Structure formats: structure tokens, C-alpha cells
């Protein structure tokens, strides 16, 4: 068991607290009387990941051992998370590589010849050769690319098969290779409480039309768990699904940033000196260099568990592991909640303003099993620059969504009714998605829809350090400092609001007990 989380009441003796602001690491002094919600300490990482993988495959939950499911005539498809889940190490092999290599070894021993690997990218961009090498390693990449290794294409009509219909008659279409397989092996990184489990992977193997039908705010059952579950059931009619879940623990990558996992009152003099150096580096270096520095030196991931077997049985165990290290509780919702937003992407990339806003607002509700940490009509204050920058290769549809759609309305219903169809049918966006490495044109819409519940719940959304144009375009407010933000919020929450800072990065979940 790790040390549990707790709530600290800020007083005159409380030191400045770590707050992530995009590429920057800040030390912020909070007003006296504010509450700081610390998540539980990270669970210790597994010493021998390979041994744990072998145990999970040999003794799965509610399933025969993987070796017993593999036969020479078995048609096997391995699906794995894309880079929406982090690389677990900068130097050592990624844990997905370790799992998949072990699976392939068992398949080879069983004489299985028909094996393909698919990155479950959904509406996200296809993975480059460099991405695939980073996730799978050189040996797997060289053995399977290009004929038996690819990213899912949600627009490839010749590689999709209808397995059912939604309530309004929209076809439910899934990757044909997955549906025609005898055994689907899903390799998942589980990094946050509240994930949907195996259905989350399956929906990343659906067509764009299916994704739109299940996620649009105007759909019959948008985001329906039942609809997602039905996709798993459809695949289960023809293939056995064997899931391998790996839970991750956020850990600093080295001694230079170990202080980030400590509570500030426990910092040594060395920790304080390292903090000062990191702050100076993230403040003084050019922004593109700053991104790389903060991500190399900031957060890495240890493996806390590997569980395999029947998807519906594995998922609760995965959630239990994550809950132990992420969920903190407060006694009552606050008038104001504070959140830092780091940039969790790859080296040399940053978050565009739409993604940053969706990531931040998702924390208000994401993973909560009761009420959110901020009250209805309260204020959420986020730390992020919301730079008006979009990756030229990955985000072409985001540029137009931000400049055209959000300039007209921020209402999810209107965005869906007035713009979604136009973007989804645009041949240029489709071409860039299928032949380049651009996100699908629907991707910015679905990111925005995920933030809609929090926007509706809150009275004010304020970004400290936020770009003025970006915040206004999205219907939010920008503040230079925390004091400025609290003054802006005073009209709705008063001059002496209750304040809760949700401490931790990159993932911590807050809920009201």
C-alpha cells in the first residue's frame, strides 16, 4: 500500500506549491485557508516486469492461459494503444513492446503464422515509422512492417465490416481484420481511473461514421456505455478477446526531478535547489526547447501491475490499482478549484489550445464517483498558456475548427448541427488523415464535446497565463496571476471563496466523499 492522500490547509508556514503550467513548472503561494488535495503516493513499480508479464499470461483472470488459446490455425490480431497513452520510458523498452514480444514468442512456439498488429488509433493520427519503433522496438517493427503492422483507418471502407446498427439505423462498422480473427489480444496501458476498459480500445477500431454516431451530442445515445459494450459483444461473437492491462504509476524519471513526487514540506535543501534550477530552465529557454526539457526531466512511468484475461473481469482489477494511487477525497465541493495542466505529449510537441482546454476540463468530472471537487456554478482556474499554435502536420482540422467553428459558437449542439457534417465529409481532411499523419476532422469536435459537461457545470473558467485570443475564442477568461483570477471570479463566488487546489501531475482524480 502507498501512503494515502490527504488534504492540507494552507497557513503562513505552507511553502510555495508546485504547479504545472504547460511546459513550465511554477511555485505558487496559495491564500491562507485554501485546501490542497494531495493524491496518494505512487505505488512502487514492479521490479521484474517480464516475470509479471509471464505470470499474467500463464494465470489469467477467468480465461485459459494464453498459450492454451494459441494453435497453428489460429488467426491472431494484436491491438495496442497509440501515443494517446505515454511512452513508459525514454531509454528502456516501452512496456507495450515487452508484452507484445512475449505474446509473439508464445505464438511462435504454438506454430501460429497468421498474426497482425494494429494500432488502435480511432480518429487520432496514424503512427509514423518512428512512433511504431518507439512503441514496439526495432525487432517487432522489422518483422511485421509494413504488411502486417498498421494503424487503424476509420475511413477505409474496404477494411471495415458492419456488425450491427445503432438505434437510429446508423451502421456499426468495425475493423474487418479484428472481426475475422479467432483471437484478439488487446494490449492496454491504463493510466487513469474511469477508463472504459476493453470497449475504449474497440471504439478506436470503429469507422468514423460509427464514432460520430456514438459521440455526437445530437446522437440517440451519445457516449453510451451500452453502445460501447455492444461493440465488444459483436466482436466476441466471432473472436475470443484476451486483454492484457498494464497499470502505470507516475514517477519522476531521475534524481534531478525526484522532488516533484514529494510533498513540498518534505523537500530537502537539495530539492529546493533543483526546483529553482528547473523553474529557471523552463522560464528562460526558448519554448520549443522548453517542451523537450520539461518532458525529458519531468514525468516517467513505472509499471505497478500486469493483469490479463477476460476483459470484463480484468477491468475492475485495473481500476482498483489505479484508485489506490490517484483518488483523493475532500469533504465538500469548493467555490473555486485550481488545476495545473502539464504537456504530456512527445518530445518537441505542445498542446494546442483545444486539447489543453479539454484535458483540463476533463479533470473536473473525469473519474469521479460522486460530486466533482468544485460546486455547481463555481469557478475552475487552470494553469496553461493556451498558445495559439497547432502542429502543421497533425492538426489541420483543428486550425479550422478553432478559427471557423469556435468563432461562431462554443455550444456543442450547434457545433454538431452546423459544422460536424461539413468537416467529416471534407475530402481534403480525409486525404490528410489517410495518407499523412493528421488527426481525423472529427477529432477536435469530440475533444470539445468531452469538455462540455464541465463547461455546463461551471460558472467561470479562467486560465492563468492563458493567451487572450485563445481563451476568448473558447468562451473562457485569461488572467496573469492567481490573484487576478480570484478577483475575476469574485463576482460569482464572492471575495472569500473556499479554494481547493488539486495537486499532482500528470494524473490525479479528486472527488467529494
Protein backbone atom coordinates (compact mmCIF):
# COMPACT_ATOMS: atom_id res chain seq x y z
CA UNK A 1 0.00 0.00 0.00
CA UNK A 2 1.17 3.53 -0.75
CA UNK A 3 0.84 6.43 1.66
CA UNK A 4 -2.75 7.71 1.32
CA UNK A 5 -3.66 11.13 0.06
CA UNK A 6 -4.66 13.91 2.40
CA UNK A 7 -5.98 17.47 2.49
CA UNK A 8 -3.62 20.23 3.66
CA UNK A 9 -4.98 23.52 4.96
CA UNK A 10 -2.72 26.35 3.80
CA UNK A 11 -1.33 28.59 6.55
CA UNK A 12 1.52 31.06 6.96
CA UNK A 13 4.03 28.18 7.24
CA UNK A 14 3.00 26.50 3.99
CA UNK A 15 5.74 26.79 1.35
CA UNK A 16 5.00 27.63 -2.29
CA UNK A 17 3.50 24.65 -4.12
CA UNK A 18 4.43 23.03 -7.42
CA UNK A 19 2.02 23.89 -10.25
CA UNK A 20 2.46 22.72 -13.83
CA UNK A 21 1.68 25.32 -16.49
CA UNK A 22 2.18 23.67 -19.85
CA UNK A 23 5.95 23.47 -20.38
CA UNK A 24 6.65 25.42 -17.19
CA UNK A 25 6.99 24.33 -13.59
CA UNK A 26 5.87 27.08 -11.19
CA UNK A 27 5.97 27.53 -7.44
CA UNK A 28 2.71 29.18 -6.39
CA UNK A 29 1.86 30.54 -2.95
CA UNK A 30 -1.82 29.95 -2.19
CA UNK A 31 -4.06 32.11 0.01
CA UNK A 32 -4.29 31.15 3.69
CA UNK A 33 -7.23 28.86 4.32
CA UNK A 34 -7.08 27.21 0.89
CA UNK A 35 -7.13 23.41 0.80
CA UNK A 36 -4.55 21.35 -1.05
CA UNK A 37 -5.70 17.89 -2.12
CA UNK A 38 -2.66 15.62 -2.36
CA UNK A 39 -3.22 12.30 -4.18
CA UNK A 40 -1.90 9.10 -2.62
CA UNK A 41 1.79 8.43 -3.13
CA UNK A 42 2.56 6.43 -6.24
CA UNK A 43 2.62 2.68 -5.80
CA UNK A 44 6.08 1.17 -6.15
CA UNK A 45 6.95 -0.11 -9.59
CA UNK A 46 7.36 -3.82 -10.31
CA UNK A 47 10.98 -4.91 -10.12
CA UNK A 48 10.74 -7.60 -12.79
CA UNK A 49 8.21 -6.56 -15.42
CA UNK A 50 8.98 -9.57 -17.61
CA UNK A 51 8.28 -12.00 -14.77
CA UNK A 52 4.98 -10.27 -14.04
CA UNK A 53 4.01 -10.45 -17.71
CA UNK A 54 4.73 -14.18 -17.78
CA UNK A 55 2.64 -14.74 -14.64
CA UNK A 56 -0.28 -12.76 -16.07
CA UNK A 57 -0.27 -14.71 -19.34
CA UNK A 58 0.08 -18.07 -17.59
CA UNK A 59 -2.57 -17.39 -14.91
CA UNK A 60 -5.12 -15.01 -16.46
CA UNK A 61 -8.41 -13.97 -14.88
CA UNK A 62 -11.44 -16.02 -15.99
CA UNK A 63 -9.62 -17.37 -19.03
CA UNK A 64 -7.42 -20.20 -20.13
CA UNK A 65 -3.70 -19.38 -20.24
CA UNK A 66 -2.77 -17.53 -23.40
CA UNK A 67 -0.60 -20.43 -24.56
CA UNK A 68 -3.68 -22.71 -24.49
CA UNK A 69 -5.58 -20.31 -26.77
CA UNK A 70 -2.90 -20.39 -29.47
CA UNK A 71 -2.93 -23.09 -32.15
CA UNK A 72 -1.29 -23.31 -35.59
CA UNK A 73 -4.55 -22.44 -37.38
CA UNK A 74 -5.46 -19.53 -35.08
CA UNK A 75 -5.92 -16.17 -36.77
CA UNK A 76 -4.48 -13.68 -34.24
CA UNK A 77 -4.72 -9.90 -34.18
CA UNK A 78 -2.85 -7.87 -31.57
CA UNK A 79 -4.24 -4.40 -31.00
CA UNK A 80 -2.33 -1.88 -28.92
CA UNK A 81 -2.70 1.66 -27.61
CA UNK A 82 -1.40 4.51 -29.71
CA UNK A 83 0.52 7.53 -28.40
CA UNK A 84 -2.54 8.90 -26.63
CA UNK A 85 -1.02 6.75 -23.89
CA UNK A 86 2.54 7.73 -22.95
CA UNK A 87 5.79 6.03 -23.70
CA UNK A 88 6.65 4.38 -20.41
CA UNK A 89 10.39 5.02 -20.63
CA UNK A 90 12.79 7.26 -22.55
CA UNK A 91 15.59 4.72 -22.78
CA UNK A 92 14.37 1.23 -21.77
CA UNK A 93 11.88 -0.68 -23.97
CA UNK A 94 8.29 0.51 -23.70
CA UNK A 95 6.16 -1.92 -21.71
CA UNK A 96 3.93 -2.49 -24.77
CA UNK A 97 6.99 -3.80 -26.57
CA UNK A 98 7.77 -6.15 -23.68
CA UNK A 99 4.22 -7.53 -23.59
CA UNK A 100 3.88 -7.91 -27.35
CA UNK A 101 7.28 -9.59 -27.72
CA UNK A 102 6.27 -12.17 -25.11
CA UNK A 103 2.93 -12.75 -26.86
CA UNK A 104 4.71 -13.23 -30.18
CA UNK A 105 7.12 -15.71 -28.61
CA UNK A 106 4.19 -17.79 -27.35
CA UNK A 107 2.54 -17.59 -30.78
CA UNK A 108 5.73 -18.78 -32.47
CA UNK A 109 6.04 -21.74 -30.08
CA UNK A 110 2.42 -22.69 -30.89
CA UNK A 111 3.13 -22.54 -34.63
CA UNK A 112 0.81 -19.57 -35.31
CA UNK A 113 1.59 -17.99 -38.69
CA UNK A 114 -1.34 -15.62 -39.18
CA UNK A 115 -0.56 -12.67 -36.87
CA UNK A 116 -1.15 -8.97 -37.48
CA UNK A 117 -0.63 -5.90 -35.30
CA UNK A 118 -2.95 -2.88 -35.37
CA UNK A 119 -2.52 0.39 -33.51
CA UNK A 120 -5.93 1.34 -32.10
CA UNK A 121 -5.80 4.94 -33.29
CA UNK A 122 -9.50 5.58 -33.93
CA UNK A 123 -9.85 9.21 -35.04
CA UNK A 124 -6.32 10.03 -33.94
CA UNK A 125 -3.45 10.34 -36.36
CA UNK A 126 -1.70 7.32 -37.87
CA UNK A 127 1.58 6.42 -36.22
CA UNK A 128 4.78 7.22 -38.09
CA UNK A 129 7.51 4.63 -38.53
CA UNK A 130 9.41 6.38 -35.74
CA UNK A 131 6.35 6.17 -33.47
CA UNK A 132 5.93 2.47 -34.15
CA UNK A 133 9.59 1.77 -33.47
CA UNK A 134 9.35 3.69 -30.18
CA UNK A 135 6.34 1.65 -29.04
CA UNK A 136 7.23 -1.79 -30.43
CA UNK A 137 11.01 -1.79 -30.78
CA UNK A 138 13.17 -2.46 -33.82
CA UNK A 139 12.73 -6.24 -33.84
CA UNK A 140 8.93 -6.26 -33.92
CA UNK A 141 8.82 -3.35 -36.36
CA UNK A 142 11.24 -5.01 -38.80
CA UNK A 143 9.41 -8.35 -38.58
CA UNK A 144 5.89 -7.05 -39.25
CA UNK A 145 6.11 -3.74 -41.10
CA UNK A 146 4.61 -2.84 -43.48
CA UNK A 147 2.36 -5.75 -44.49
CA UNK A 148 1.32 -6.98 -41.03
CA UNK A 149 1.63 -3.79 -38.97
CA UNK A 150 -0.52 -0.72 -39.42
CA UNK A 151 -2.64 1.93 -37.78
CA UNK A 152 -6.40 1.58 -37.89
CA UNK A 153 -8.05 3.62 -40.67
CA UNK A 154 -11.57 4.72 -39.74
CA UNK A 155 -12.24 5.80 -43.35
CA UNK A 156 -11.04 2.64 -45.14
CA UNK A 157 -14.36 1.31 -46.42
CA UNK A 158 -12.70 -1.82 -47.83
CA UNK A 159 -11.26 -2.63 -44.39
CA UNK A 160 -14.45 -2.16 -42.34
CA UNK A 161 -17.35 -4.53 -41.79
CA UNK A 162 -20.84 -3.84 -40.49
CA UNK A 163 -21.65 -5.76 -37.31
CA UNK A 164 -24.91 -4.08 -36.31
CA UNK A 165 -26.90 -0.84 -36.25
CA UNK A 166 -27.44 1.96 -33.76
CA UNK A 167 -30.93 2.93 -32.57
CA UNK A 168 -31.28 5.42 -35.43
CA UNK A 169 -30.11 2.90 -38.01
CA UNK A 170 -26.51 4.06 -38.40
CA UNK A 171 -24.27 1.09 -39.27
CA UNK A 172 -21.83 -0.04 -36.58
CA UNK A 173 -18.66 -0.74 -38.52
CA UNK A 174 -15.50 -2.32 -37.12
CA UNK A 175 -12.06 -3.11 -38.49
CA UNK A 176 -12.59 -6.23 -40.63
CA UNK A 177 -9.35 -7.91 -39.58
CA UNK A 178 -10.41 -7.74 -35.94
CA UNK A 179 -13.88 -9.13 -36.64
CA UNK A 180 -12.50 -12.01 -38.73
CA UNK A 181 -9.91 -13.04 -36.14
CA UNK A 182 -10.15 -16.12 -33.94
CA UNK A 183 -8.28 -14.40 -31.13
CA UNK A 184 -7.98 -10.65 -30.49
CA UNK A 185 -5.28 -9.73 -27.98
CA UNK A 186 -5.71 -6.23 -26.61
CA UNK A 187 -2.63 -4.65 -25.01
CA UNK A 188 -3.72 -1.65 -22.95
CA UNK A 189 -1.94 0.93 -20.85
CA UNK A 190 -4.30 2.03 -18.10
CA UNK A 191 -3.17 5.37 -16.70
CA UNK A 192 -6.34 6.97 -15.33
CA UNK A 193 -9.30 5.99 -13.17
CA UNK A 194 -12.61 5.96 -15.02
CA UNK A 195 -11.41 4.50 -18.32
CA UNK A 196 -13.90 2.26 -20.11
CA UNK A 197 -11.68 -0.79 -20.29
CA UNK A 198 -11.77 -3.00 -23.38
CA UNK A 199 -14.63 -1.04 -25.01
CA UNK A 200 -12.34 2.00 -25.11
CA UNK A 201 -9.98 0.05 -27.37
CA UNK A 202 -12.76 -1.40 -29.50
CA UNK A 203 -14.21 2.03 -30.27
CA UNK A 204 -10.76 3.03 -31.53
CA UNK A 205 -11.20 0.30 -34.15
CA UNK A 206 -14.56 1.60 -35.44
CA UNK A 207 -15.37 3.61 -38.53
CA UNK A 208 -15.60 7.40 -38.44
CA UNK A 209 -19.35 7.16 -39.08
CA UNK A 210 -19.76 4.85 -36.09
CA UNK A 211 -17.63 7.09 -33.88
CA UNK A 212 -19.73 10.06 -34.92
CA UNK A 213 -22.99 8.22 -34.21
CA UNK A 214 -21.84 7.22 -30.72
CA UNK A 215 -20.26 10.53 -29.67
CA UNK A 216 -22.20 13.36 -31.26
CA UNK A 217 -24.30 15.38 -28.76
CA UNK A 218 -27.20 15.00 -31.21
CA UNK A 219 -26.90 11.20 -31.38
CA UNK A 220 -29.62 8.98 -29.95
CA UNK A 221 -27.27 7.74 -27.21
CA UNK A 222 -24.07 9.80 -27.31
CA UNK A 223 -21.16 8.22 -25.50
CA UNK A 224 -23.38 5.38 -24.38
CA UNK A 225 -21.60 2.72 -22.36
CA UNK A 226 -24.21 0.24 -23.61
CA UNK A 227 -23.35 1.10 -27.21
CA UNK A 228 -19.64 0.70 -26.50
CA UNK A 229 -20.29 -2.61 -24.76
CA UNK A 230 -22.28 -3.80 -27.75
CA UNK A 231 -19.19 -3.35 -29.93
CA UNK A 232 -17.24 -5.70 -27.69
CA UNK A 233 -20.10 -8.20 -27.77
CA UNK A 234 -20.21 -8.07 -31.57
CA UNK A 235 -16.52 -8.94 -31.79
CA UNK A 236 -16.98 -11.60 -29.13
CA UNK A 237 -19.49 -13.37 -31.40
CA UNK A 238 -16.69 -14.32 -33.77
CA UNK A 239 -13.44 -13.90 -31.82
CA UNK A 240 -12.23 -14.53 -28.32
CA UNK A 241 -10.94 -11.31 -26.77
CA UNK A 242 -7.99 -11.63 -24.41
CA UNK A 243 -6.96 -8.36 -22.76
CA UNK A 244 -3.64 -7.50 -21.15
CA UNK A 245 -3.90 -4.43 -18.93
CA UNK A 246 -0.82 -2.66 -17.62
CA UNK A 247 -1.31 -0.06 -14.90
CA UNK A 248 1.14 2.80 -14.64
CA UNK A 249 2.46 4.81 -11.74
CA UNK A 250 3.60 8.41 -12.36
CA UNK A 251 7.21 8.62 -11.23
CA UNK A 252 9.99 11.14 -11.83
CA UNK A 253 12.47 9.84 -14.37
CA UNK A 254 15.61 10.51 -12.38
CA UNK A 255 17.22 12.05 -9.32
CA UNK A 256 17.10 15.52 -10.83
CA UNK A 257 13.31 15.61 -10.66
CA UNK A 258 12.55 13.27 -7.76
CA UNK A 259 11.40 16.26 -5.73
CA UNK A 260 8.29 16.54 -7.93
CA UNK A 261 6.83 13.43 -6.31
CA UNK A 262 7.39 14.74 -2.77
CA UNK A 263 5.13 16.97 -0.73
CA UNK A 264 6.68 20.42 -0.56
CA UNK A 265 7.01 20.48 3.23
CA UNK A 266 9.24 17.40 2.92
CA UNK A 267 11.71 18.95 0.47
CA UNK A 268 15.36 18.97 1.41
CA UNK A 269 17.72 21.85 0.61
CA UNK A 270 18.84 19.90 -2.43
CA UNK A 271 15.24 19.53 -3.60
CA UNK A 272 14.73 23.29 -3.29
CA UNK A 273 17.86 23.97 -5.32
CA UNK A 274 16.77 21.52 -8.03
CA UNK A 275 13.35 23.14 -8.11
CA UNK A 276 14.90 26.57 -8.60
CA UNK A 277 17.04 25.27 -11.45
CA UNK A 278 14.13 23.60 -13.22
CA UNK A 279 11.99 26.72 -12.92
CA UNK A 280 14.79 28.87 -14.36
CA UNK A 281 15.32 26.47 -17.26
CA UNK A 282 11.64 26.28 -18.18
CA UNK A 283 11.36 30.07 -17.94
CA UNK A 284 14.48 31.13 -19.85
CA UNK A 285 14.86 28.58 -22.63
CA UNK A 286 13.04 29.08 -25.97
CA UNK A 287 9.60 27.48 -25.90
CA UNK A 288 10.40 24.58 -28.26
CA UNK A 289 13.49 23.63 -26.22
CA UNK A 290 11.47 24.13 -23.04
CA UNK A 291 8.97 21.46 -24.09
CA UNK A 292 11.69 18.88 -24.56
CA UNK A 293 13.39 19.72 -21.28
CA UNK A 294 10.25 19.52 -19.15
CA UNK A 295 9.21 16.22 -20.69
CA UNK A 296 12.61 14.56 -20.55
CA UNK A 297 13.27 15.61 -16.99
CA UNK A 298 9.71 15.61 -15.70
CA UNK A 299 7.48 12.55 -15.59
CA UNK A 300 8.21 8.94 -16.44
CA UNK A 301 6.12 5.88 -15.69
CA UNK A 302 6.68 2.75 -13.68
CA UNK A 303 4.60 -0.41 -14.06
CA UNK A 304 2.51 -1.27 -10.99
CA UNK A 305 0.60 -4.29 -12.28
CA UNK A 306 0.03 -6.53 -15.28
CA UNK A 307 -3.32 -8.32 -15.40
CA UNK A 308 -4.59 -10.47 -18.26
CA UNK A 309 -7.71 -12.44 -19.13
CA UNK A 310 -11.37 -11.85 -19.81
CA UNK A 311 -11.93 -8.09 -20.42
CA UNK A 312 -14.95 -7.73 -18.13
CA UNK A 313 -13.06 -9.42 -15.28
CA UNK A 314 -9.75 -7.64 -15.76
CA UNK A 315 -11.18 -4.12 -15.84
CA UNK A 316 -12.32 -3.96 -12.17
CA UNK A 317 -8.88 -5.11 -11.03
CA UNK A 318 -7.24 -2.45 -13.17
CA UNK A 319 -9.48 0.24 -11.70
CA UNK A 320 -8.64 -0.90 -8.16
CA UNK A 321 -4.91 -0.48 -8.77
CA UNK A 322 -5.37 2.99 -10.24
CA UNK A 323 -7.73 4.12 -7.47
CA UNK A 324 -5.08 3.38 -4.85
CA UNK A 325 -2.70 5.95 -6.31
CA UNK A 326 -4.94 8.59 -7.88
CA UNK A 327 -8.14 9.22 -5.97
CA UNK A 328 -8.15 11.85 -3.24
CA UNK A 329 -11.24 13.00 -1.37
CA UNK A 330 -12.40 16.28 0.10
CA UNK A 331 -15.30 16.79 2.50
CA UNK A 332 -17.26 19.28 0.40
CA UNK A 333 -17.10 20.89 -3.05
CA UNK A 334 -15.23 24.20 -3.17
CA UNK A 335 -16.27 27.51 -4.67
CA UNK A 336 -13.01 27.54 -6.63
CA UNK A 337 -10.86 24.64 -7.79
CA UNK A 338 -7.30 25.02 -9.11
CA UNK A 339 -5.66 22.63 -11.59
CA UNK A 340 -2.26 22.58 -13.25
CA UNK A 341 -2.07 21.24 -16.81
CA UNK A 342 1.28 19.79 -17.93
CA UNK A 343 2.10 18.99 -21.52
CA UNK A 344 2.03 15.18 -21.64
CA UNK A 345 2.85 14.82 -25.34
CA UNK A 346 6.00 13.64 -27.06
CA UNK A 347 9.32 15.43 -27.13
CA UNK A 348 9.18 18.68 -29.08
CA UNK A 349 5.39 18.89 -29.15
CA UNK A 350 2.99 21.02 -27.18
CA UNK A 351 -0.75 21.02 -26.58
CA UNK A 352 -2.92 23.08 -28.87
CA UNK A 353 -5.48 25.25 -27.02
CA UNK A 354 -8.48 23.00 -27.75
CA UNK A 355 -6.70 19.88 -26.49
CA UNK A 356 -5.36 21.71 -23.43
CA UNK A 357 -8.82 23.00 -22.52
CA UNK A 358 -10.39 19.56 -22.98
CA UNK A 359 -7.65 17.94 -20.88
CA UNK A 360 -8.11 20.46 -18.09
CA UNK A 361 -11.89 20.47 -18.05
CA UNK A 362 -11.95 16.69 -18.12
CA UNK A 363 -10.33 16.73 -14.66
CA UNK A 364 -13.42 18.38 -13.18
CA UNK A 365 -15.50 15.25 -13.72
CA UNK A 366 -13.20 12.53 -15.03
CA UNK A 367 -13.04 9.53 -12.72
CA UNK A 368 -15.30 10.97 -10.03
CA UNK A 369 -17.69 8.50 -8.46
CA UNK A 370 -19.56 11.22 -6.58
CA UNK A 371 -19.69 15.00 -6.84
CA UNK A 372 -16.83 16.95 -8.50
CA UNK A 373 -14.41 18.93 -6.38
CA UNK A 374 -15.92 22.28 -7.43
CA UNK A 375 -19.56 23.14 -6.79
CA UNK A 376 -22.22 23.78 -9.41
CA UNK A 377 -21.78 27.35 -10.66
CA UNK A 378 -18.29 27.55 -9.13
CA UNK A 379 -15.05 28.56 -10.82
CA UNK A 380 -12.28 26.38 -12.22
CA UNK A 381 -8.88 28.01 -12.57
CA UNK A 382 -6.37 26.26 -14.80
CA UNK A 383 -2.70 26.94 -15.38
CA UNK A 384 -1.77 26.70 -19.06
CA UNK A 385 -0.58 29.19 -21.71
CA UNK A 386 -3.13 28.06 -24.35
CA UNK A 387 -0.68 29.16 -27.01
CA UNK A 388 -2.41 29.75 -30.34
CA UNK A 389 -0.28 27.09 -32.03
CA UNK A 390 -1.29 23.96 -33.93
CA UNK A 391 1.00 21.28 -35.30
CA UNK A 392 1.12 21.82 -39.08
CA UNK A 393 1.10 18.08 -39.82
CA UNK A 394 -1.14 16.70 -37.07
CA UNK A 395 -3.78 19.43 -36.63
CA UNK A 396 -5.08 20.82 -39.95
CA UNK A 397 -8.73 20.30 -38.97
CA UNK A 398 -8.06 21.78 -35.53
CA UNK A 399 -6.91 25.03 -37.16
CA UNK A 400 -10.22 25.48 -38.97
CA UNK A 401 -12.27 24.21 -36.03
CA UNK A 402 -10.66 26.87 -33.85
CA UNK A 403 -10.77 29.69 -36.38
CA UNK A 404 -14.14 29.00 -38.00
CA UNK A 405 -16.35 26.79 -35.84
CA UNK A 406 -15.49 28.15 -32.37
CA UNK A 407 -15.58 31.70 -33.72
CA UNK A 408 -19.26 31.07 -34.50
CA UNK A 409 -20.34 29.14 -31.40
CA UNK A 410 -18.96 27.17 -28.46
CA UNK A 411 -22.22 25.26 -27.95
CA UNK A 412 -21.71 21.55 -28.61
CA UNK A 413 -25.18 21.09 -30.08
CA UNK A 414 -24.73 23.88 -32.60
CA UNK A 415 -21.21 22.75 -33.45
CA UNK A 416 -22.54 19.28 -34.19
CA UNK A 417 -25.51 20.53 -36.22
CA UNK A 418 -23.77 23.27 -38.19
CA UNK A 419 -20.16 22.15 -38.66
CA UNK A 420 -19.60 18.47 -37.90
CA UNK A 421 -21.02 17.13 -41.16
CA UNK A 422 -19.08 19.65 -43.23
CA UNK A 423 -15.78 18.74 -41.59
CA UNK A 424 -16.46 14.99 -41.66
CA UNK A 425 -17.19 14.95 -45.39
CA UNK A 426 -14.36 17.25 -46.47
CA UNK A 427 -12.20 15.25 -48.92
CA UNK A 428 -9.03 17.22 -48.10
CA UNK A 429 -9.24 16.45 -44.39
CA UNK A 430 -9.93 12.81 -45.21
CA UNK A 431 -6.94 12.72 -47.55
CA UNK A 432 -4.62 14.14 -44.89
CA UNK A 433 -5.94 11.67 -42.30
CA UNK A 434 -5.49 8.64 -44.56
CA UNK A 435 -2.25 9.48 -46.36
CA UNK A 436 -0.41 11.79 -43.96
CA UNK A 437 -0.40 11.88 -40.16
CA UNK A 438 -3.26 14.25 -39.43
CA UNK A 439 -5.96 13.70 -36.83
CA UNK A 440 -9.38 12.99 -38.33
CA UNK A 441 -11.57 16.06 -38.91
CA UNK A 442 -13.97 14.83 -36.20
CA UNK A 443 -11.24 14.70 -33.57
CA UNK A 444 -11.45 18.36 -32.44
CA UNK A 445 -15.24 18.08 -32.16
CA UNK A 446 -15.07 15.05 -29.91
CA UNK A 447 -12.38 16.70 -27.79
CA UNK A 448 -14.66 19.69 -27.30
CA UNK A 449 -17.68 17.51 -26.53
CA UNK A 450 -15.71 15.82 -23.74
CA UNK A 451 -15.32 19.22 -22.06
CA UNK A 452 -18.99 20.16 -22.39
CA UNK A 453 -20.24 18.68 -19.05
CA UNK A 454 -17.67 20.67 -17.09
CA UNK A 455 -18.39 23.87 -19.00
CA UNK A 456 -22.09 23.48 -18.24
CA UNK A 457 -21.37 22.75 -14.57
CA UNK A 458 -19.11 25.76 -14.00
CA UNK A 459 -19.88 29.44 -13.70
CA UNK A 460 -16.41 30.64 -14.77
CA UNK A 461 -13.41 29.04 -16.44
CA UNK A 462 -10.19 31.02 -16.07
CA UNK A 463 -6.71 30.23 -17.40
CA UNK A 464 -3.74 31.72 -15.55
CA UNK A 465 -1.17 32.68 -18.16
CA UNK A 466 -3.65 31.91 -20.94
CA UNK A 467 -3.39 33.53 -24.36
CA UNK A 468 -6.07 36.21 -24.54
CA UNK A 469 -7.23 35.34 -28.06
CA UNK A 470 -7.45 31.62 -27.33
CA UNK A 471 -9.36 32.00 -24.08
CA UNK A 472 -11.87 34.43 -25.58
CA UNK A 473 -12.38 32.24 -28.65
CA UNK A 474 -13.31 29.30 -26.42
CA UNK A 475 -15.54 31.36 -24.12
CA UNK A 476 -13.14 31.45 -21.17
CA UNK A 477 -11.18 34.17 -19.35
CA UNK A 478 -7.45 34.84 -19.12
CA UNK A 479 -5.60 36.03 -16.02
CA UNK A 480 -1.98 36.99 -15.49
CA UNK A 481 -1.73 35.76 -11.91
CA UNK A 482 -3.73 33.71 -9.43
CA UNK A 483 -4.73 36.90 -7.60
CA UNK A 484 -6.08 38.31 -10.86
CA UNK A 485 -8.03 35.11 -11.46
CA UNK A 486 -9.57 35.19 -7.98
CA UNK A 487 -10.56 38.81 -8.47
CA UNK A 488 -12.25 37.92 -11.77
CA UNK A 489 -14.14 35.11 -10.06
CA UNK A 490 -15.28 37.26 -7.13
CA UNK A 491 -18.45 38.41 -8.91
CA UNK A 492 -19.78 34.83 -8.84
CA UNK A 493 -18.04 33.26 -5.81
CA UNK A 494 -17.52 36.29 -3.54
CA UNK A 495 -14.41 37.82 -2.03
CA UNK A 496 -13.68 34.95 0.37
CA UNK A 497 -14.37 31.76 -1.59
CA UNK A 498 -13.42 28.28 -0.47
CA UNK A 499 -10.49 27.12 -2.61
CA UNK A 500 -9.20 23.62 -3.34
CA UNK A 501 -6.00 23.01 -5.29
CA UNK A 502 -5.87 19.54 -6.85
CA UNK A 503 -2.17 18.81 -6.51
CA UNK A 504 -0.38 16.38 -8.75
CA UNK A 505 0.64 15.61 -12.29
CA UNK A 506 0.07 14.25 -14.74
CA UNK A 507 -2.96 12.43 -13.35
CA UNK A 508 -4.79 12.81 -10.07
CA UNK A 509 -8.50 12.42 -9.53
CA UNK A 510 -10.49 14.37 -6.98
CA UNK A 511 -13.91 13.58 -5.63
CA UNK A 512 -16.20 14.65 -2.81
CA UNK A 513 -16.72 12.00 -0.15
